[in-house]
């Protein structure tokens, strides 16, 4: 009977950067997008999560392979092999988008906690930001990554909500496998938001740098360019980790859509703009338990996503400027890296004290992410297929095909988003 606990433990140990990255995709801003999709269009957008899964998993596996093969993240490879103008453009827009996203996520966490226990949501936002910075700067790297990994379990809150709410399963299945298309601006905008949330540039940067960081932190690991004998086992680990992690991410996003579709949409509440609004609207419809679980899930996912947003910013800036970078380094060894991380988080927290409209901030963050994602995905595909960068470890044909399909889909989505913005 030992297999009853040995196999789950073995399964858990095989998961790492891919699981953490996938869970971070369901940040409070993502929860707001999925809630809006379910509230506004019911179960009709479930197919987007099904379609998005292989595209997201493929592009994240590619980013992970780049980091593990070269021991550099995306910004580091941009600095070494591409024009400096492209590097500066990409990193600057990523930094701006991430700070806006940090502000929105910290604000959503503060609002959610206020709904549960009261208090000033802006002060809660600052407190959450401070806790995240302290853990990133002073916690041991391996212990901190373990904390992030365990925080992914907070997403099971949304599995619990689905079990609490009465769910019309035939409608759920229909929405998954029979796409309902409407040719109007509102429907297009939500589809753009869902795919834009799913294929976010900060996730590309984070997973590639985390794989590179693991090479540095693990004495037995070496870049695949140097130790090709490690390639077979590492590629298998990356694929398993990434596809499981992204599958978990997509499933949770689908559960959030299902919850708001079965409660808010069915009662005519379609104007949901934030994750906190979705939680509050659930209280009279699904009961206090569903409300509390949904609200605390926002806090849990925020505690996972905020550090990743801040760290991906610091990694990108640090690699671009050739600093010493890495959460595995002590603060005195990477002062500029940790200062960038702390400043990004602090600015994001303090933005909640300004008069900036969080809804508009999220919109422009999505626009910036879209502007970055398309050229970045083209560059990633070039990196992953270049023997100059990857040596003998260029990506196989299937992954190349999926990566180009993902890039093409995202290009169409971003063009549609820009067209709907200008018209």
Protein backbone atom coordinates (compact mmCIF):
# COMPACT_ATOMS: atom_id res chain seq x y z
CA UNK A 1 0.00 0.00 0.00
CA UNK A 2 3.05 2.30 0.03
CA UNK A 3 2.25 3.40 -3.52
CA UNK A 4 -0.78 5.28 -2.13
CA UNK A 5 1.52 7.94 -0.75
CA UNK A 6 4.74 7.33 -2.68
CA UNK A 7 3.28 7.99 -6.14
CA UNK A 8 1.57 11.31 -5.24
CA UNK A 9 4.79 12.43 -3.51
CA UNK A 10 6.88 11.45 -6.54
CA UNK A 11 4.41 13.27 -8.82
CA UNK A 12 4.61 16.42 -6.67
CA UNK A 13 8.41 16.41 -6.66
CA UNK A 14 8.55 16.29 -10.45
CA UNK A 15 6.62 19.54 -10.67
CA UNK A 16 8.42 22.88 -10.39
CA UNK A 17 8.81 25.96 -12.64
CA UNK A 18 6.00 24.87 -14.98
CA UNK A 19 3.50 24.38 -12.15
CA UNK A 20 4.43 27.70 -10.51
CA UNK A 21 4.23 29.57 -13.82
CA UNK A 22 0.89 28.00 -14.71
CA UNK A 23 -0.61 28.87 -11.34
CA UNK A 24 0.70 32.45 -11.60
CA UNK A 25 -1.25 32.79 -14.84
CA UNK A 26 -4.43 32.75 -12.72
CA UNK A 27 -3.52 35.95 -10.87
CA UNK A 28 -6.21 38.34 -9.53
CA UNK A 29 -6.23 40.18 -12.87
CA UNK A 30 -6.76 36.88 -14.67
CA UNK A 31 -9.53 35.97 -12.23
CA UNK A 32 -11.23 39.27 -13.10
CA UNK A 33 -11.01 38.44 -16.83
CA UNK A 34 -12.40 34.93 -16.41
CA UNK A 35 -15.14 36.24 -14.09
CA UNK A 36 -16.11 38.85 -16.65
CA UNK A 37 -16.21 36.21 -19.40
CA UNK A 38 -18.51 33.94 -17.38
CA UNK A 39 -20.74 36.74 -16.12
CA UNK A 40 -21.16 38.38 -19.51
CA UNK A 41 -21.45 35.36 -21.82
CA UNK A 42 -22.30 32.43 -19.55
CA UNK A 43 -20.82 29.11 -20.65
CA UNK A 44 -20.29 30.23 -24.25
CA UNK A 45 -16.57 30.96 -23.85
CA UNK A 46 -15.48 27.68 -22.30
CA UNK A 47 -13.97 26.66 -25.66
CA UNK A 48 -11.34 29.41 -25.37
CA UNK A 49 -9.73 27.60 -22.42
CA UNK A 50 -9.72 24.31 -24.33
CA UNK A 51 -8.12 25.92 -27.39
CA UNK A 52 -5.67 28.00 -25.36
CA UNK A 53 -4.23 25.07 -23.39
CA UNK A 54 -1.95 23.46 -26.03
CA UNK A 55 -0.88 26.88 -27.32
CA UNK A 56 0.10 28.13 -23.86
CA UNK A 57 1.80 24.85 -22.87
CA UNK A 58 3.82 24.79 -26.10
CA UNK A 59 5.09 28.35 -25.87
CA UNK A 60 5.95 27.91 -22.17
CA UNK A 61 7.83 24.69 -22.89
CA UNK A 62 9.82 26.57 -25.54
CA UNK A 63 10.72 29.34 -23.08
CA UNK A 64 11.74 26.73 -20.48
CA UNK A 65 13.95 24.90 -22.97
CA UNK A 66 15.71 28.15 -23.89
CA UNK A 67 16.53 28.83 -20.24
CA UNK A 68 17.66 25.26 -19.46
CA UNK A 69 19.77 24.94 -22.60
CA UNK A 70 21.59 28.27 -22.47
CA UNK A 71 21.49 29.07 -18.70
CA UNK A 72 20.18 32.53 -19.67
CA UNK A 73 16.65 33.88 -19.60
CA UNK A 74 15.03 35.56 -22.58
CA UNK A 75 16.50 38.99 -21.78
CA UNK A 76 19.98 37.50 -21.42
CA UNK A 77 19.74 35.85 -24.83
CA UNK A 78 18.33 39.05 -26.33
CA UNK A 79 21.38 40.92 -25.02
CA UNK A 80 23.80 38.37 -26.44
CA UNK A 81 22.33 37.73 -29.87
CA UNK A 82 19.94 40.51 -30.90
CA UNK A 83 19.99 44.28 -31.58
CA UNK A 84 20.16 46.44 -28.46
CA UNK A 85 17.12 48.45 -29.60
CA UNK A 86 14.92 45.32 -29.52
CA UNK A 87 16.21 44.47 -26.04
CA UNK A 88 15.50 47.95 -24.66
CA UNK A 89 12.06 48.16 -26.28
CA UNK A 90 10.99 44.77 -24.94
CA UNK A 91 12.30 45.19 -21.40
CA UNK A 92 10.93 48.73 -21.01
CA UNK A 93 7.42 47.76 -22.08
CA UNK A 94 7.54 44.60 -19.97
CA UNK A 95 8.55 46.66 -16.92
CA UNK A 96 5.73 49.18 -17.43
CA UNK A 97 3.12 46.47 -18.01
CA UNK A 98 4.30 44.47 -14.99
CA UNK A 99 4.15 47.45 -12.63
CA UNK A 100 0.60 48.23 -13.74
CA UNK A 101 -0.30 44.56 -13.30
CA UNK A 102 1.30 44.59 -9.84
CA UNK A 103 -0.84 47.56 -8.88
CA UNK A 104 -4.00 45.83 -10.09
CA UNK A 105 -3.17 42.51 -8.38
CA UNK A 106 -2.22 44.09 -5.05
CA UNK A 107 -5.35 46.25 -5.18
CA UNK A 108 -7.50 43.18 -5.86
CA UNK A 109 -5.91 41.32 -2.95
CA UNK A 110 -6.57 44.28 -0.64
CA UNK A 111 -10.19 44.54 -1.81
CA UNK A 112 -10.77 40.82 -1.34
CA UNK A 113 -9.39 40.81 2.20
CA UNK A 114 -11.45 43.90 3.06
CA UNK A 115 -14.58 42.04 1.99
CA UNK A 116 -13.74 39.16 4.34
CA UNK A 117 -12.35 40.88 7.46
CA UNK A 118 -12.67 44.64 6.85
CA UNK A 119 -9.96 47.29 7.00
CA UNK A 120 -8.46 49.67 4.45
CA UNK A 121 -7.86 47.86 1.16
CA UNK A 122 -5.00 50.20 0.23
CA UNK A 123 -3.12 49.43 3.43
CA UNK A 124 -3.69 45.72 2.88
CA UNK A 125 -2.20 46.16 -0.61
CA UNK A 126 0.94 47.76 0.83
CA UNK A 127 1.20 45.04 3.49
CA UNK A 128 0.93 42.28 0.91
CA UNK A 129 3.57 43.98 -1.23
CA UNK A 130 5.90 44.30 1.74
CA UNK A 131 5.51 40.65 2.71
CA UNK A 132 6.28 39.52 -0.84
CA UNK A 133 9.42 41.67 -1.04
CA UNK A 134 10.75 40.51 2.35
CA UNK A 135 10.29 36.85 1.42
CA UNK A 136 11.98 37.29 -1.95
CA UNK A 137 14.94 39.22 -0.56
CA UNK A 138 15.66 37.33 2.65
CA UNK A 139 14.24 33.80 2.29
CA UNK A 140 16.48 30.91 1.23
CA UNK A 141 15.99 30.29 -2.50
CA UNK A 142 15.00 26.63 -2.26
CA UNK A 143 12.63 27.29 0.63
CA UNK A 144 11.11 30.25 -1.16
CA UNK A 145 10.48 28.26 -4.34
CA UNK A 146 8.91 25.57 -2.14
CA UNK A 147 6.60 28.23 -0.65
CA UNK A 148 5.56 29.35 -4.16
CA UNK A 149 4.96 25.74 -5.11
CA UNK A 150 2.69 25.14 -2.11
CA UNK A 151 0.84 28.40 -2.82
CA UNK A 152 -0.32 26.88 -6.10
CA UNK A 153 -2.68 24.79 -3.99
CA UNK A 154 -4.64 27.98 -3.23
CA UNK A 155 -6.13 27.61 -6.71
CA UNK A 156 -8.04 24.58 -5.49
CA UNK A 157 -10.32 27.17 -3.86
CA UNK A 158 -11.98 27.54 -7.25
CA UNK A 159 -12.40 23.79 -7.58
CA UNK A 160 -14.19 23.98 -4.23
CA UNK A 161 -16.46 26.79 -5.41
CA UNK A 162 -17.58 24.72 -8.41
CA UNK A 163 -18.50 21.89 -6.03
CA UNK A 164 -20.52 24.29 -3.86
CA UNK A 165 -22.48 25.89 -6.73
CA UNK A 166 -25.24 24.06 -8.64
CA UNK A 167 -23.78 23.50 -12.09
CA UNK A 168 -25.77 22.77 -15.31
CA UNK A 169 -23.24 20.29 -16.72
CA UNK A 170 -24.84 19.85 -20.16
CA UNK A 171 -24.40 23.59 -20.78
CA UNK A 172 -20.79 23.40 -19.58
CA UNK A 173 -20.00 20.59 -22.05
CA UNK A 174 -21.76 22.44 -24.88
CA UNK A 175 -19.72 25.58 -24.23
CA UNK A 176 -16.50 23.54 -24.29
CA UNK A 177 -16.98 21.62 -27.50
CA UNK A 178 -19.46 23.68 -29.56
CA UNK A 179 -17.97 27.19 -29.91
CA UNK A 180 -20.53 29.99 -29.92
CA UNK A 181 -19.26 32.95 -31.94
CA UNK A 182 -20.69 36.46 -31.90
CA UNK A 183 -19.37 39.13 -34.23
CA UNK A 184 -19.61 42.16 -32.00
CA UNK A 185 -17.13 44.37 -30.15
CA UNK A 186 -18.00 43.13 -26.65
CA UNK A 187 -17.58 39.45 -27.51
CA UNK A 188 -14.32 40.12 -29.37
CA UNK A 189 -12.97 42.21 -26.49
CA UNK A 190 -13.52 39.40 -23.98
CA UNK A 191 -11.88 36.80 -26.26
CA UNK A 192 -8.90 39.13 -26.67
CA UNK A 193 -8.74 39.57 -22.89
CA UNK A 194 -8.88 35.81 -22.23
CA UNK A 195 -6.09 34.96 -24.67
CA UNK A 196 -4.09 38.03 -23.63
CA UNK A 197 -4.30 36.91 -20.01
CA UNK A 198 -3.30 33.36 -20.95
CA UNK A 199 -0.31 34.24 -23.16
CA UNK A 200 1.35 36.90 -20.98
CA UNK A 201 4.97 37.93 -21.67
CA UNK A 202 5.96 37.98 -18.00
CA UNK A 203 5.27 34.23 -17.88
CA UNK A 204 7.72 33.67 -20.77
CA UNK A 205 10.45 35.65 -19.02
CA UNK A 206 9.77 34.06 -15.63
CA UNK A 207 9.88 30.42 -16.71
CA UNK A 208 13.03 30.81 -18.82
CA UNK A 209 14.88 32.60 -16.02
CA UNK A 210 13.68 30.14 -13.38
CA UNK A 211 15.08 27.25 -15.44
CA UNK A 212 18.34 29.18 -15.82
CA UNK A 213 18.33 29.92 -12.08
CA UNK A 214 17.93 26.24 -11.27
CA UNK A 215 21.06 25.50 -13.31
CA UNK A 216 22.98 27.96 -11.13
CA UNK A 217 21.43 26.85 -7.84
CA UNK A 218 21.84 23.10 -8.45
CA UNK A 219 25.52 22.00 -8.43
CA UNK A 220 24.69 18.84 -10.40
CA UNK A 221 22.93 20.74 -13.20
CA UNK A 222 24.70 22.32 -16.16
CA UNK A 223 23.46 24.07 -19.30
CA UNK A 224 22.54 21.52 -21.95
CA UNK A 225 25.01 23.22 -24.29
CA UNK A 226 27.75 22.11 -21.89
CA UNK A 227 26.25 18.83 -20.68
CA UNK A 228 24.24 17.29 -23.55
CA UNK A 229 24.00 13.99 -21.65
CA UNK A 230 21.46 15.68 -19.33
CA UNK A 231 19.21 16.65 -22.26
CA UNK A 232 16.92 13.61 -22.44
CA UNK A 233 15.95 13.60 -18.77
CA UNK A 234 15.67 17.39 -18.54
CA UNK A 235 13.50 17.71 -21.65
CA UNK A 236 11.16 15.03 -20.27
CA UNK A 237 10.99 16.85 -16.93
CA UNK A 238 10.29 20.20 -18.57
CA UNK A 239 7.54 18.77 -20.78
CA UNK A 240 5.85 16.95 -17.90
CA UNK A 241 6.10 19.94 -15.57
CA UNK A 242 4.96 22.50 -18.12
CA UNK A 243 2.01 20.63 -19.60
CA UNK A 244 0.72 19.65 -16.15
CA UNK A 245 1.18 23.20 -14.84
CA UNK A 246 -0.53 24.85 -17.81
CA UNK A 247 -3.32 22.27 -17.72
CA UNK A 248 -3.91 23.13 -14.07
CA UNK A 249 -3.95 26.82 -14.96
CA UNK A 250 -6.48 26.37 -17.75
CA UNK A 251 -8.71 24.14 -15.64
CA UNK A 252 -8.87 26.71 -12.85
CA UNK A 253 -9.63 29.48 -15.35
CA UNK A 254 -12.46 27.35 -16.72
CA UNK A 255 -13.80 26.72 -13.20
CA UNK A 256 -13.89 30.48 -12.54
CA UNK A 257 -15.83 31.01 -15.78
CA UNK A 258 -18.22 28.21 -14.83
CA UNK A 259 -18.81 29.62 -11.34
CA UNK A 260 -19.67 33.12 -12.52
CA UNK A 261 -21.71 31.79 -15.45
CA UNK A 262 -23.83 29.57 -13.17
CA UNK A 263 -24.41 32.32 -10.61
CA UNK A 264 -23.93 35.87 -11.91
CA UNK A 265 -24.88 35.38 -15.58
CA UNK A 266 -27.93 33.27 -14.75
CA UNK A 267 -29.19 36.10 -12.48
CA UNK A 268 -28.56 38.86 -15.01
CA UNK A 269 -25.40 40.26 -13.32
CA UNK A 270 -23.18 40.75 -16.36
CA UNK A 271 -21.23 43.93 -15.55
CA UNK A 272 -18.30 42.51 -13.52
CA UNK A 273 -15.03 44.42 -13.84
CA UNK A 274 -12.84 43.17 -10.98
CA UNK A 275 -12.25 39.91 -9.12
CA UNK A 276 -13.43 41.52 -5.87
CA UNK A 277 -16.73 42.51 -7.52
CA UNK A 278 -17.19 38.90 -8.60
CA UNK A 279 -16.57 37.65 -5.06
CA UNK A 280 -18.98 40.18 -3.55
CA UNK A 281 -21.69 39.38 -6.11
CA UNK A 282 -21.42 35.69 -5.25
CA UNK A 283 -22.41 36.21 -1.60
CA UNK A 284 -26.18 36.60 -2.02
CA UNK A 285 -26.36 34.12 -4.91
CA UNK A 286 -24.12 31.22 -3.87
CA UNK A 287 -23.93 31.73 -0.11
CA UNK A 288 -21.28 32.96 2.33
CA UNK A 289 -19.09 29.86 1.96
CA UNK A 290 -18.67 30.26 -1.80
CA UNK A 291 -18.05 33.99 -1.33
CA UNK A 292 -15.36 33.44 1.33
CA UNK A 293 -13.58 30.70 -0.62
CA UNK A 294 -13.62 32.80 -3.81
CA UNK A 295 -12.32 35.92 -2.00
CA UNK A 296 -9.54 34.11 -0.13
CA UNK A 297 -8.57 32.42 -3.38
CA UNK A 298 -7.84 35.90 -4.79
CA UNK A 299 -5.45 36.55 -1.90
CA UNK A 300 -3.75 33.18 -2.30
CA UNK A 301 -3.21 33.52 -6.04
CA UNK A 302 -2.01 37.10 -5.55
CA UNK A 303 0.63 35.96 -3.07
CA UNK A 304 1.90 33.65 -5.81
CA UNK A 305 1.60 36.03 -8.78
CA UNK A 306 2.94 39.26 -7.23
CA UNK A 307 6.44 37.86 -6.55
CA UNK A 308 6.59 36.41 -10.06
CA UNK A 309 5.59 39.71 -11.68
CA UNK A 310 8.21 41.57 -9.65
CA UNK A 311 10.93 38.95 -10.13
CA UNK A 312 10.35 38.66 -13.90
CA UNK A 313 10.81 42.45 -14.10
CA UNK A 314 14.03 42.33 -12.09
CA UNK A 315 15.39 39.39 -14.08
CA UNK A 316 14.64 41.11 -17.40
CA UNK A 317 16.23 44.42 -16.37
CA UNK A 318 19.17 42.70 -14.69
CA UNK A 319 19.96 40.41 -17.62
CA UNK A 320 19.57 43.30 -20.05
CA UNK A 321 22.13 45.34 -18.10
CA UNK A 322 24.35 42.32 -17.33
CA UNK A 323 23.91 42.58 -13.57
CA UNK A 324 24.32 39.78 -11.08
CA UNK A 325 20.78 38.41 -10.92
CA UNK A 326 18.95 35.62 -9.15
CA UNK A 327 16.78 34.83 -6.15
CA UNK A 328 19.46 32.32 -5.21
CA UNK A 329 21.95 35.14 -4.59
CA UNK A 330 22.26 36.96 -1.29
CA UNK A 331 21.11 40.60 -1.24
CA UNK A 332 24.66 41.96 -1.05
CA UNK A 333 25.59 39.93 -4.13
CA UNK A 334 22.78 41.29 -6.30
CA UNK A 335 21.87 44.69 -4.86
CA UNK A 336 20.57 46.22 -8.10
CA UNK A 337 18.49 43.12 -8.89
CA UNK A 338 16.75 43.12 -5.51
CA UNK A 339 16.36 46.91 -5.58
CA UNK A 340 14.54 46.65 -8.93
CA UNK A 341 12.31 43.91 -7.55
CA UNK A 342 11.45 45.93 -4.44
CA UNK A 343 10.87 49.18 -6.36
CA UNK A 344 8.53 47.53 -8.88
CA UNK A 345 6.44 46.07 -6.04
CA UNK A 346 6.45 49.29 -4.02
CA UNK A 347 5.41 51.44 -6.98
CA UNK A 348 2.64 48.97 -7.77
CA UNK A 349 1.37 49.09 -4.18
CA UNK A 350 1.50 52.90 -4.00
CA UNK A 351 -0.40 53.27 -7.29
CA UNK A 352 -3.46 52.17 -5.32
CA UNK A 353 -3.29 55.51 -3.44
CA UNK A 354 -3.53 57.52 -6.67
CA UNK A 355 -6.61 58.40 -8.65
CA UNK A 356 -5.72 55.94 -11.41
CA UNK A 357 -8.73 53.92 -12.54
CA UNK A 358 -7.78 50.24 -11.97
CA UNK A 359 -10.06 49.10 -14.80
CA UNK A 360 -8.34 51.40 -17.30
CA UNK A 361 -4.95 50.42 -15.86
CA UNK A 362 -5.70 46.76 -16.51
CA UNK A 363 -6.85 47.58 -20.04
CA UNK A 364 -3.63 49.39 -20.91
CA UNK A 365 -1.60 46.66 -19.24
CA UNK A 366 -3.30 44.19 -21.59
CA UNK A 367 -2.52 46.42 -24.57
CA UNK A 368 1.15 46.65 -23.57
CA UNK A 369 1.35 42.91 -22.96
CA UNK A 370 -0.09 42.35 -26.41
CA UNK A 371 2.40 44.73 -27.99
CA UNK A 372 5.26 42.85 -26.29
CA UNK A 373 3.96 39.32 -26.72
CA UNK A 374 3.83 39.15 -30.52
CA UNK A 375 7.42 40.27 -31.28
CA UNK A 376 8.63 38.34 -28.24
CA UNK A 377 7.01 35.12 -29.46
CA UNK A 378 8.57 35.62 -32.90
CA UNK A 379 11.95 36.15 -31.25
CA UNK A 380 11.48 33.10 -29.00
CA UNK A 381 10.72 30.94 -32.03
CA UNK A 382 13.88 32.22 -33.70
CA UNK A 383 15.90 31.52 -30.53
CA UNK A 384 14.50 28.02 -30.13
CA UNK A 385 15.26 27.05 -33.74
CA UNK A 386 18.69 28.70 -33.97
CA UNK A 387 21.68 26.36 -33.77
CA UNK A 388 23.83 29.40 -32.92
CA UNK A 389 21.86 29.82 -29.67
CA UNK A 390 20.59 26.30 -28.93
CA UNK A 391 23.33 24.18 -30.50
CA UNK A 392 22.05 20.64 -31.07
CA UNK A 393 19.06 21.25 -28.76
CA UNK A 394 16.74 23.14 -31.08
CA UNK A 395 13.07 22.32 -30.59
CA UNK A 396 11.51 19.35 -32.46
CA UNK A 397 9.08 19.67 -35.36
CA UNK A 398 5.88 19.22 -33.32
CA UNK A 399 6.84 21.90 -30.81
CA UNK A 400 7.96 24.20 -33.63
CA UNK A 401 4.57 23.81 -35.33
CA UNK A 402 2.63 24.45 -32.12
CA UNK A 403 4.82 27.45 -31.30
CA UNK A 404 4.19 29.05 -34.69
CA UNK A 405 0.45 28.37 -34.41
CA UNK A 406 0.44 30.05 -30.98
CA UNK A 407 2.36 33.00 -32.42
CA UNK A 408 -0.07 33.31 -35.32
CA UNK A 409 -3.12 33.14 -33.06
CA UNK A 410 -1.68 35.77 -30.74
CA UNK A 411 -0.84 38.01 -33.70
CA UNK A 412 -4.45 37.88 -34.92
CA UNK A 413 -5.73 38.52 -31.40
CA UNK A 414 -3.48 41.53 -30.85
CA UNK A 415 -4.40 43.01 -34.25
CA UNK A 416 -8.07 42.55 -33.36
CA UNK A 417 -7.49 44.19 -29.99
CA UNK A 418 -5.75 47.17 -31.57
CA UNK A 419 -8.47 47.47 -34.21
CA UNK A 420 -11.23 47.41 -31.58
CA UNK A 421 -9.30 50.03 -29.57
CA UNK A 422 -8.91 52.43 -32.51
CA UNK A 423 -12.38 51.99 -34.01
